[in-house]
Protein backbone atom coordinates (compact mmCIF):
# COMPACT_ATOMS: atom_id res chain seq x y z
CA MET A 1 97.33 118.14 87.75
CA TYR A 2 95.59 117.14 91.49
CA PHE A 3 96.04 113.87 92.92
CA HIS A 4 92.79 111.26 92.93
CA GLN A 5 90.82 111.20 96.29
CA GLU A 6 88.95 107.92 96.53
CA ILE A 7 86.20 107.76 99.31
CA LYS A 8 84.01 105.19 98.80
CA GLY A 9 86.19 103.12 101.09
CA CYS A 10 84.57 104.78 104.02
CA LEU A 11 80.68 104.90 102.59
CA SER A 12 78.46 102.07 103.82
CA LYS A 13 77.54 100.81 100.40
CA THR A 14 81.04 99.12 100.73
CA ILE A 15 81.93 98.93 104.74
CA HIS A 16 77.96 98.45 105.42
CA THR A 17 77.07 99.51 109.35
CA GLU A 18 80.34 101.03 109.95
CA GLY A 19 80.50 103.62 106.97
CA LEU A 20 78.85 106.76 105.96
CA SER A 21 75.63 107.14 103.70
CA GLU A 22 76.60 108.16 100.42
CA ASN A 23 74.95 111.67 100.82
CA PHE A 24 76.32 112.25 104.17
CA LEU A 25 78.06 115.72 102.65
CA LYS A 26 74.52 116.82 102.19
CA GLU A 27 74.41 118.77 106.07
CA TYR A 28 77.97 119.55 105.74
CA LEU A 29 77.45 121.76 103.05
CA PRO A 30 75.84 124.85 104.38
CA THR A 31 79.19 125.20 106.67
CA LEU A 32 81.59 124.24 104.13
CA LYS A 33 80.49 126.62 101.36
CA LYS A 34 80.82 129.60 104.41
CA THR A 35 84.27 128.40 104.87
CA LEU A 36 84.87 128.37 101.03
CA GLN A 37 83.96 131.81 100.63
CA LYS A 38 86.02 132.88 103.98
CA LEU A 39 88.91 131.35 102.35
CA LYS A 40 88.25 133.44 98.85
CA LYS A 41 87.66 136.45 100.86
CA ALA A 42 90.76 136.20 102.63
CA HIS A 43 92.82 135.29 99.84
CA GLU A 44 91.63 138.64 97.75
CA GLU A 45 91.59 141.13 100.88
CA GLU A 46 95.31 138.77 101.91
CA THR A 47 94.51 139.18 105.23
CA LEU A 48 95.41 135.44 105.71
CA PRO A 49 99.30 135.76 104.26
CA LEU A 50 99.39 132.05 104.70
CA LEU A 51 96.88 131.89 101.60
CA ARG A 52 99.44 134.06 99.53
CA LEU A 53 102.55 132.06 99.87
CA PRO A 54 101.66 129.58 96.91
CA TYR A 55 102.13 132.48 94.62
CA LEU A 56 104.71 134.35 96.09
CA ARG A 57 108.27 134.71 94.20
CA THR A 58 110.26 137.83 95.57
CA ASP A 59 110.84 135.88 98.74
CA ILE A 60 112.77 132.89 97.04
CA ALA A 61 114.61 135.60 94.32
CA ALA A 62 115.52 137.61 96.85
CA LEU A 63 117.20 133.88 99.02
CA ARG A 64 119.37 132.58 95.99
CA ASP A 65 122.41 134.16 95.98
CA LEU A 66 122.59 133.50 99.68
CA VAL A 67 122.03 129.57 98.84
CA LEU A 68 124.55 129.82 96.30
CA GLU A 69 126.93 131.36 98.91
CA ILE A 70 126.14 128.23 101.08
CA GLN A 71 126.26 125.64 99.27
CA ASP A 72 129.83 126.86 98.05
CA ASP A 73 131.40 127.31 101.43
CA PHE A 74 129.78 124.74 103.47
CA THR A 75 129.51 120.88 103.19
CA ASP A 76 126.69 121.16 106.06
CA THR A 77 124.21 122.75 107.50
CA VAL A 78 122.34 122.35 110.99
CA ILE A 79 118.80 123.91 110.99
CA LEU A 80 118.09 123.94 115.07
CA GLY A 81 114.00 124.67 115.52
CA THR A 82 111.31 122.55 116.74
CA GLY A 83 107.52 121.88 115.33
CA GLY A 84 106.32 123.99 112.55
CA SER A 85 110.48 125.45 112.47
CA SER A 86 111.80 121.77 111.15
CA LEU A 87 108.75 119.75 109.89
CA GLY A 88 108.22 121.21 107.00
CA GLY A 89 111.70 121.63 105.96
CA GLN A 90 112.49 117.56 107.11
CA ALA A 91 109.48 116.60 104.44
CA PHE A 92 111.13 118.62 101.80
CA TYR A 93 114.67 117.48 102.17
CA ALA A 94 113.35 113.88 101.75
CA LEU A 95 113.15 114.74 98.78
CA ALA A 96 116.58 115.42 97.91
CA HIS A 97 118.72 113.62 100.32
CA ARG A 98 119.98 111.16 97.68
CA GLU A 99 120.67 113.29 95.20
CA THR A 100 122.58 116.40 96.91
CA SER A 101 125.90 116.51 98.58
CA HIS A 102 125.19 118.78 100.59
CA ARG A 103 124.23 117.12 103.99
CA LEU A 104 121.33 118.93 106.21
CA HIS A 105 120.84 117.73 109.70
CA PHE A 106 117.32 118.56 111.63
CA MET A 107 118.25 119.27 115.31
CA ASP A 108 114.47 119.38 116.39
CA ASN A 109 114.89 117.88 120.32
CA ILE A 110 117.18 118.45 123.45
CA ASP A 111 118.76 115.22 123.80
CA PRO A 112 122.61 116.45 124.79
CA HIS A 113 123.34 112.66 124.05
CA THR A 114 122.02 113.09 120.15
CA PHE A 115 124.06 117.28 119.94
CA GLN A 116 127.02 115.39 121.73
CA SER A 117 127.06 112.93 118.25
CA LEU A 118 126.30 115.55 115.81
CA PHE A 119 129.53 117.70 117.20
CA LYS A 120 131.83 114.50 116.74
CA GLN A 121 130.71 113.90 113.18
CA LEU A 122 131.13 117.84 111.93
CA SER A 123 133.75 119.87 110.48
CA PHE A 124 132.52 123.15 111.97
CA LYS A 125 134.67 125.25 109.70
CA SER A 126 132.07 123.95 106.87
CA THR A 127 129.32 123.71 108.68
CA LEU A 128 126.28 126.48 108.84
CA PHE A 129 123.75 126.81 111.51
CA VAL A 130 119.86 127.88 110.69
CA VAL A 131 118.05 128.76 113.79
CA ILE A 132 114.47 129.07 113.36
CA SER A 133 111.87 130.54 115.51
CA LYS A 134 108.80 132.57 114.81
CA SER A 135 108.73 133.92 118.76
CA GLY A 136 112.48 134.20 118.89
CA ASN A 137 111.64 132.88 122.75
CA THR A 138 111.60 129.17 122.07
CA ALA A 139 113.37 127.70 125.10
CA GLU A 140 114.75 124.71 123.54
CA THR A 141 115.74 126.66 120.16
CA LEU A 142 117.37 129.02 122.72
CA VAL A 143 119.40 126.44 124.44
CA GLN A 144 120.00 124.25 120.83
CA PHE A 145 121.26 127.65 119.58
CA MET A 146 123.61 128.66 122.24
CA THR A 147 125.06 125.00 122.53
CA CYS A 148 126.10 125.06 119.36
CA LEU A 149 127.27 128.76 119.93
CA GLN A 150 129.95 127.86 122.18
CA LYS A 151 130.77 125.16 120.39
CA VAL A 152 131.56 127.10 117.34
CA GLN A 153 133.32 129.77 119.54
CA LYS A 154 135.68 127.56 120.44
CA GLU A 155 136.39 125.64 117.12
CA VAL A 156 136.26 128.55 115.11
CA GLY A 157 136.56 131.67 117.25
CA THR A 158 134.10 134.46 118.08
CA ASP A 159 135.06 136.54 115.52
CA SER A 160 134.05 133.88 112.90
CA VAL A 161 130.82 132.77 114.59
CA ARG A 162 128.73 135.60 112.36
CA ASP A 163 129.78 133.53 109.36
CA HIS A 164 128.42 130.25 110.67
CA PHE A 165 124.99 131.39 111.89
CA ILE A 166 121.80 132.34 110.37
CA ILE A 167 118.48 133.57 112.11
CA ILE A 168 114.98 133.22 111.41
CA THR A 169 112.22 134.56 113.56
CA GLU A 170 109.91 137.44 113.43
CA PRO A 171 110.61 141.20 112.96
CA LYS A 172 110.13 142.30 116.95
CA PRO A 173 112.11 141.96 120.11
CA SER A 174 112.80 138.75 121.34
CA PRO A 175 116.19 136.98 122.92
CA LEU A 176 117.07 135.61 119.93
CA ARG A 177 117.12 139.31 117.79
CA GLN A 178 118.99 140.00 121.04
CA LEU A 179 121.53 137.49 120.67
CA ALA A 180 121.79 137.74 116.99
CA ASP A 181 122.32 141.67 117.44
CA PHE A 182 125.39 140.74 119.98
CA TYR A 183 126.84 138.80 117.53
CA HIS A 184 126.19 140.42 114.38
CA ILE A 185 124.29 137.45 112.98
CA SER A 186 122.45 137.76 109.50
CA LEU A 187 118.91 137.57 110.62
CA LEU A 188 115.79 136.43 108.04
CA ASP A 189 112.60 137.87 109.24
CA HIS A 190 109.55 134.96 109.92
CA ASP A 191 106.13 136.45 108.79
CA PRO A 192 104.16 137.18 112.43
CA LYS A 193 101.11 136.52 110.55
CA ILE A 194 101.88 132.91 109.50
CA GLY A 195 102.15 130.14 112.39
CA GLY A 196 105.04 127.97 112.84
CA ARG A 197 102.87 124.52 112.12
CA PHE A 198 101.13 126.68 109.27
CA SER A 199 105.16 128.35 108.25
CA ALA A 200 106.43 124.88 105.13
CA LEU A 201 105.13 126.81 102.46
CA SER A 202 107.49 130.16 103.59
CA ILE A 203 110.94 130.46 103.74
CA VAL A 204 111.17 128.50 107.14
CA GLY A 205 110.62 125.50 104.69
CA LEU A 206 111.72 126.70 101.70
CA PHE A 207 115.11 127.95 102.59
CA PRO A 208 116.32 124.10 103.96
CA ALA A 209 114.77 122.97 100.60
CA MET A 210 116.89 125.43 98.72
CA ILE A 211 120.16 124.77 100.23
CA ALA A 212 119.04 120.96 99.45
CA GLY A 213 118.75 121.64 96.08
CA VAL A 214 114.84 121.27 95.72
CA ASP A 215 113.16 123.81 93.63
CA PRO A 216 110.99 125.89 96.10
CA VAL A 217 109.16 127.25 92.79
CA LEU A 218 107.53 123.71 92.21
CA ILE A 219 106.76 122.88 95.32
CA ARG A 220 104.83 126.28 95.78
CA GLU A 221 103.27 125.79 92.22
CA GLY A 222 101.90 122.45 93.64
CA ALA A 223 100.18 124.48 96.30
CA ALA A 224 98.70 126.87 93.87
CA ARG A 225 97.27 124.72 92.30
CA VAL A 226 95.12 123.20 95.11
CA PHE A 227 94.24 126.59 95.82
CA ASP A 228 92.89 127.93 92.53
CA ARG A 229 90.65 125.19 92.52
CA LEU A 230 89.21 126.33 95.44
CA LEU A 231 88.72 129.76 93.57
CA SER A 232 87.72 128.40 91.26
CA LEU A 233 84.77 126.57 93.01
CA ASP A 234 81.08 127.72 94.66
CA ASP A 235 80.25 124.15 95.35
CA PRO A 236 82.33 122.58 98.24
CA SER A 237 80.91 119.09 97.04
CA ASN A 238 83.62 119.35 94.47
CA PHE A 239 86.70 120.11 96.88
CA GLY A 240 88.91 117.40 98.01
CA PRO A 241 90.01 119.16 101.35
CA ALA A 242 86.14 120.30 102.32
CA VAL A 243 85.43 116.76 101.47
CA GLY A 244 87.74 115.17 103.59
CA ALA A 245 86.97 117.32 106.17
CA ALA A 246 83.52 116.57 106.33
CA LEU A 247 84.21 112.82 105.98
CA SER A 248 86.66 112.55 109.27
CA HIS A 249 84.21 115.00 111.29
CA ALA A 250 80.97 112.54 109.95
CA LEU A 251 82.87 109.77 111.12
CA GLU A 252 84.11 110.80 114.08
CA VAL A 253 80.37 111.89 115.63
CA LYS A 254 78.21 108.96 113.79
CA LYS A 255 80.72 105.93 113.78
CA GLY A 256 83.26 106.99 116.50
CA LYS A 257 85.98 106.95 114.70
CA THR A 258 88.30 109.39 116.84
CA ILE A 259 91.86 108.35 115.44
CA SER A 260 93.06 109.21 112.05
CA VAL A 261 95.62 107.21 110.62
CA LEU A 262 97.79 108.44 107.53
CA THR A 263 99.97 106.38 105.93
CA PRO A 264 101.71 106.90 102.77
CA TYR A 265 103.35 103.87 101.21
CA VAL A 266 106.24 106.01 100.11
CA ASP A 267 109.07 106.26 102.49
CA ASP A 268 109.97 110.26 101.74
CA LEU A 269 106.16 110.66 102.65
CA HIS A 270 107.54 109.59 106.46
CA TYR A 271 108.35 113.55 107.64
CA PHE A 272 104.97 114.32 105.64
CA SER A 273 103.29 112.71 107.41
CA LEU A 274 104.96 113.23 110.91
CA TRP A 275 104.17 117.17 109.51
CA TYR A 276 100.82 116.27 109.30
CA ARG A 277 100.19 115.02 112.40
CA GLN A 278 101.32 118.23 114.47
CA LEU A 279 99.01 120.42 112.13
CA TRP A 280 96.22 118.31 112.93
CA ALA A 281 96.45 117.72 116.35
CA GLU A 282 97.60 121.38 117.32
CA SER A 283 95.37 123.15 114.91
CA LEU A 284 92.27 121.04 115.98
CA GLY A 285 92.48 119.92 119.69
CA LYS A 286 90.07 122.28 121.12
CA LYS A 287 87.44 123.03 123.66
CA GLY A 288 87.10 118.97 123.70
CA HIS A 289 87.14 118.72 120.17
CA GLY A 290 89.72 116.88 117.68
CA THR A 291 90.71 113.21 116.21
CA THR A 292 94.09 111.80 117.69
CA PRO A 293 96.66 111.63 114.50
CA VAL A 294 98.45 108.37 114.49
CA SER A 295 101.47 109.04 111.41
CA GLY A 296 102.27 105.42 109.51
CA LEU A 297 104.34 104.15 107.45
CA GLY A 298 103.67 101.38 104.63
CA THR A 299 104.76 98.56 104.76
CA VAL A 300 106.26 98.80 107.75
CA ASP A 301 103.54 99.04 109.79
CA GLN A 302 102.18 95.94 108.31
CA HIS A 303 104.35 93.98 110.77
CA SER A 304 103.83 96.15 113.73
CA GLN A 305 99.99 98.19 113.50
CA LEU A 306 98.10 96.30 111.17
CA GLN A 307 96.85 93.95 113.72
CA LEU A 308 95.55 96.12 116.01
CA TYR A 309 94.09 98.41 112.95
CA LEU A 310 92.25 95.09 112.06
CA ASP A 311 91.23 93.44 114.66
CA GLY A 312 91.59 95.87 117.94
CA PRO A 313 89.07 98.47 118.64
CA SER A 314 87.28 99.80 115.16
CA ASP A 315 88.03 103.89 115.99
CA LYS A 316 90.35 104.87 113.12
CA PHE A 317 89.84 106.54 109.85
CA HIS A 318 92.22 105.65 107.92
CA THR A 319 94.03 107.43 105.09
CA ILE A 320 96.50 105.26 103.06
CA ILE A 321 98.56 107.21 100.02
CA VAL A 322 100.14 105.23 97.59
CA SER A 323 102.30 105.96 94.27
CA SER A 324 102.75 103.84 91.29
CA MET A 325 105.70 101.34 91.98
CA GLU A 326 105.16 98.84 89.41
CA ASN A 327 108.13 97.74 87.68
CA LYS A 328 110.12 99.90 89.59
CA GLY A 329 113.50 98.32 90.91
CA GLU A 330 115.46 95.42 90.07
CA SER A 331 113.91 92.21 88.29
CA ILE A 332 114.84 89.48 90.30
CA SER A 333 116.57 86.33 88.89
CA GLU A 334 114.41 83.41 88.67
CA ASN A 335 117.37 81.56 89.63
CA PHE A 336 116.50 81.88 93.22
CA SER A 337 113.66 79.83 92.45
CA LYS A 338 115.75 76.81 91.55
CA ILE A 339 117.15 76.84 95.17
CA SER A 340 114.00 77.08 96.79
CA ALA A 341 110.31 76.91 94.92
CA ASP A 342 108.89 78.89 97.69
CA LEU A 343 110.67 81.95 95.96
CA LYS A 344 108.87 81.17 92.25
CA CYS A 345 106.24 84.07 92.73
CA PHE A 346 108.96 86.41 92.96
CA SER A 347 110.75 85.43 89.63
CA PHE A 348 110.76 88.28 87.43
CA SER A 349 109.05 90.62 89.49
CA THR A 350 110.73 93.83 91.08
CA MET A 351 110.97 95.07 94.39
CA GLY A 352 108.04 97.85 93.27
CA ASP A 353 105.79 95.39 92.64
CA LEU A 354 105.68 93.90 95.40
CA MET A 355 105.36 97.31 97.23
CA GLU A 356 102.22 97.56 94.71
CA ALA A 357 100.71 94.16 95.78
CA GLU A 358 101.27 95.03 99.46
CA GLN A 359 99.71 98.31 99.45
CA ARG A 360 96.50 97.30 97.21
CA ALA A 361 96.49 94.51 99.71
CA THR A 362 96.40 96.62 102.99
CA ILE A 363 93.84 98.94 101.34
CA ASP A 364 91.44 95.71 100.46
CA THR A 365 91.69 94.06 103.51
CA LEU A 366 91.04 97.40 105.80
CA ILE A 367 88.08 97.27 103.47
CA LYS A 368 86.68 93.92 103.76
CA ASN A 369 87.33 94.59 107.51
CA GLN A 370 84.99 97.26 107.68
CA ARG A 371 87.62 99.96 108.69
CA PRO A 372 87.11 103.18 106.82
CA THR A 373 89.67 103.64 104.96
CA ARG A 374 90.37 106.66 102.28
CA VAL A 375 93.00 106.53 99.39
CA LEU A 376 94.73 109.47 97.92
CA GLU A 377 97.00 108.15 94.93
CA ILE A 378 99.30 110.20 93.32
CA PRO A 379 101.58 109.53 89.87
CA ILE A 380 104.81 110.32 91.64
CA LEU A 381 106.52 112.36 94.28
CA SER A 382 107.93 115.43 93.28
CA PRO A 383 108.30 118.85 94.77
CA ASP A 384 104.95 120.04 92.95
CA PHE A 385 102.64 117.12 94.28
CA MET A 386 105.00 117.75 97.86
CA GLY A 387 103.13 120.98 97.67
CA THR A 388 100.22 119.98 96.59
CA LEU A 389 99.90 117.39 99.37
CA MET A 390 100.47 119.95 101.95
CA MET A 391 98.00 122.81 100.97
CA HIS A 392 95.39 119.99 100.75
CA PHE A 393 95.96 119.07 104.00
CA ILE A 394 96.31 123.04 105.41
CA LEU A 395 93.04 123.54 103.65
CA GLU A 396 91.51 120.66 105.12
CA THR A 397 92.55 121.51 108.70
CA ILE A 398 90.51 124.96 108.15
CA PHE A 399 87.57 123.02 106.91
CA MET A 400 87.14 121.14 110.03
CA ALA A 401 88.19 123.54 112.40
CA ASP A 402 85.62 125.74 111.24
CA LEU A 403 82.99 122.48 111.94
CA TYR A 404 84.01 122.24 115.13
CA GLY A 405 83.60 125.70 115.31
CA VAL A 406 87.31 126.18 116.67
CA ASP A 407 90.24 128.11 115.81
CA PRO A 408 92.97 126.74 114.17
CA PHE A 409 95.78 129.54 114.45
CA ASP A 410 96.21 129.20 118.31
CA GLN A 411 97.29 126.83 120.74
CA PRO A 412 96.07 127.71 124.20
CA ALA A 413 96.72 124.74 125.89
CA VAL A 414 100.36 124.49 125.49
CA GLU A 415 101.36 127.59 126.85
CA GLU A 416 100.99 126.30 130.80
CA GLY A 417 103.24 123.48 130.12
CA LYS A 418 106.00 125.82 128.89
CA VAL A 419 105.46 128.38 131.86
CA LEU A 420 106.01 125.13 134.49
CA ALA A 421 109.05 124.00 132.30
CA LYS A 422 110.51 127.31 133.25
CA LYS A 423 110.15 127.59 136.74
CA TYR A 424 111.14 123.81 137.22
CA LEU A 425 114.40 124.59 135.28
CA GLU A 426 114.78 127.70 137.77
CA LYS A 427 114.11 125.13 140.55
CA THR A 428 116.56 122.92 139.03
CA ILE A 429 119.66 125.46 138.83
CA LYS A 430 119.26 127.17 142.22
CA GLU A 431 119.61 123.77 143.91
CA ARG A 432 122.58 123.36 141.64
CA LEU A 433 124.15 126.51 142.60
CA HIS A 434 123.31 127.25 146.38
CA PRO A 435 122.99 123.36 147.46
């Protein structure tokens, strides 16, 4: 089962001059067909390992015993990493955090106050640290690791450090591997041909998910559902990710919609929307191209952003993710209406009923105000549908990259900032040691 993608809220028949013609897809078909065939060929020839992940099971099987040991020996796992090394795992953990007794802490920044707060919460004897960096040279992750390693040394002793850390990084020389070798810390290989922001469906995202009790096979089966459809098609006009990419591109170049707002009406998709934000921005923002991704959350943003979306600049393309909430939650007693007549409308309703009403109202209001709005409707948020959503947006990003003529897998512009940051750090330390 796939989810439903409704795009009529982006067409001129519905939103008039702010929308696209119903045959907007026609001019995009030649490029979309080339991308479709390119992806099929890459899958067949195994030249893009990302596309084989939905069908891979050996890596999951190899981790099962380790995961059981972790669940038995530790109460907490701290995930150290940033960007693509963290966001996929956070999205999966959202599916489990209310049921699992094992606590995961994703430390994806380098605010020292946050780490001090974390250290006060942990029992280090029952805490595992998983360090994730594809290159093994990410400055933030290295500093996170060394900070935590020093703390673990102090709390449990140097001889026990190796029992409290696992490292995921590429199988090549790096500072992170050198530290792992020195302290005899276990290593798991990060596939060097899968970029960080595309790695959620690899062990980078699935290892934390497994520790939290989320079924990784279901996640990959959901992803495979999307790619199986791609493999079965010759016409991209019937493929959701291809249509989504063309829709976004056409709204940008023809209607000036340069901001892409993703708003799920499901709390557990909050980190998914942050994952999407990095994927879209870092893959497509090149050579003057790219729309700015904004992650939202309904109904929260109705009380902060919706005024801007409805009455501010008409420069946004909205994607709303909804799931059936009707009759979910506790029924509200009619007794409250006896206290205030204004509460009568809530009698016998549930919280889910209100969520259902508000997500529909927001969609209708955006469309009424001629704001292009795509709706993705999932029956329920489960591990397989999380995998489906992720693969949909991974492929939509790749289709969009080909429409722009850019490489979705590199990130040349951010390297300058990394070089400058290290230069400034060295200057700070030099001045501190030699005032």
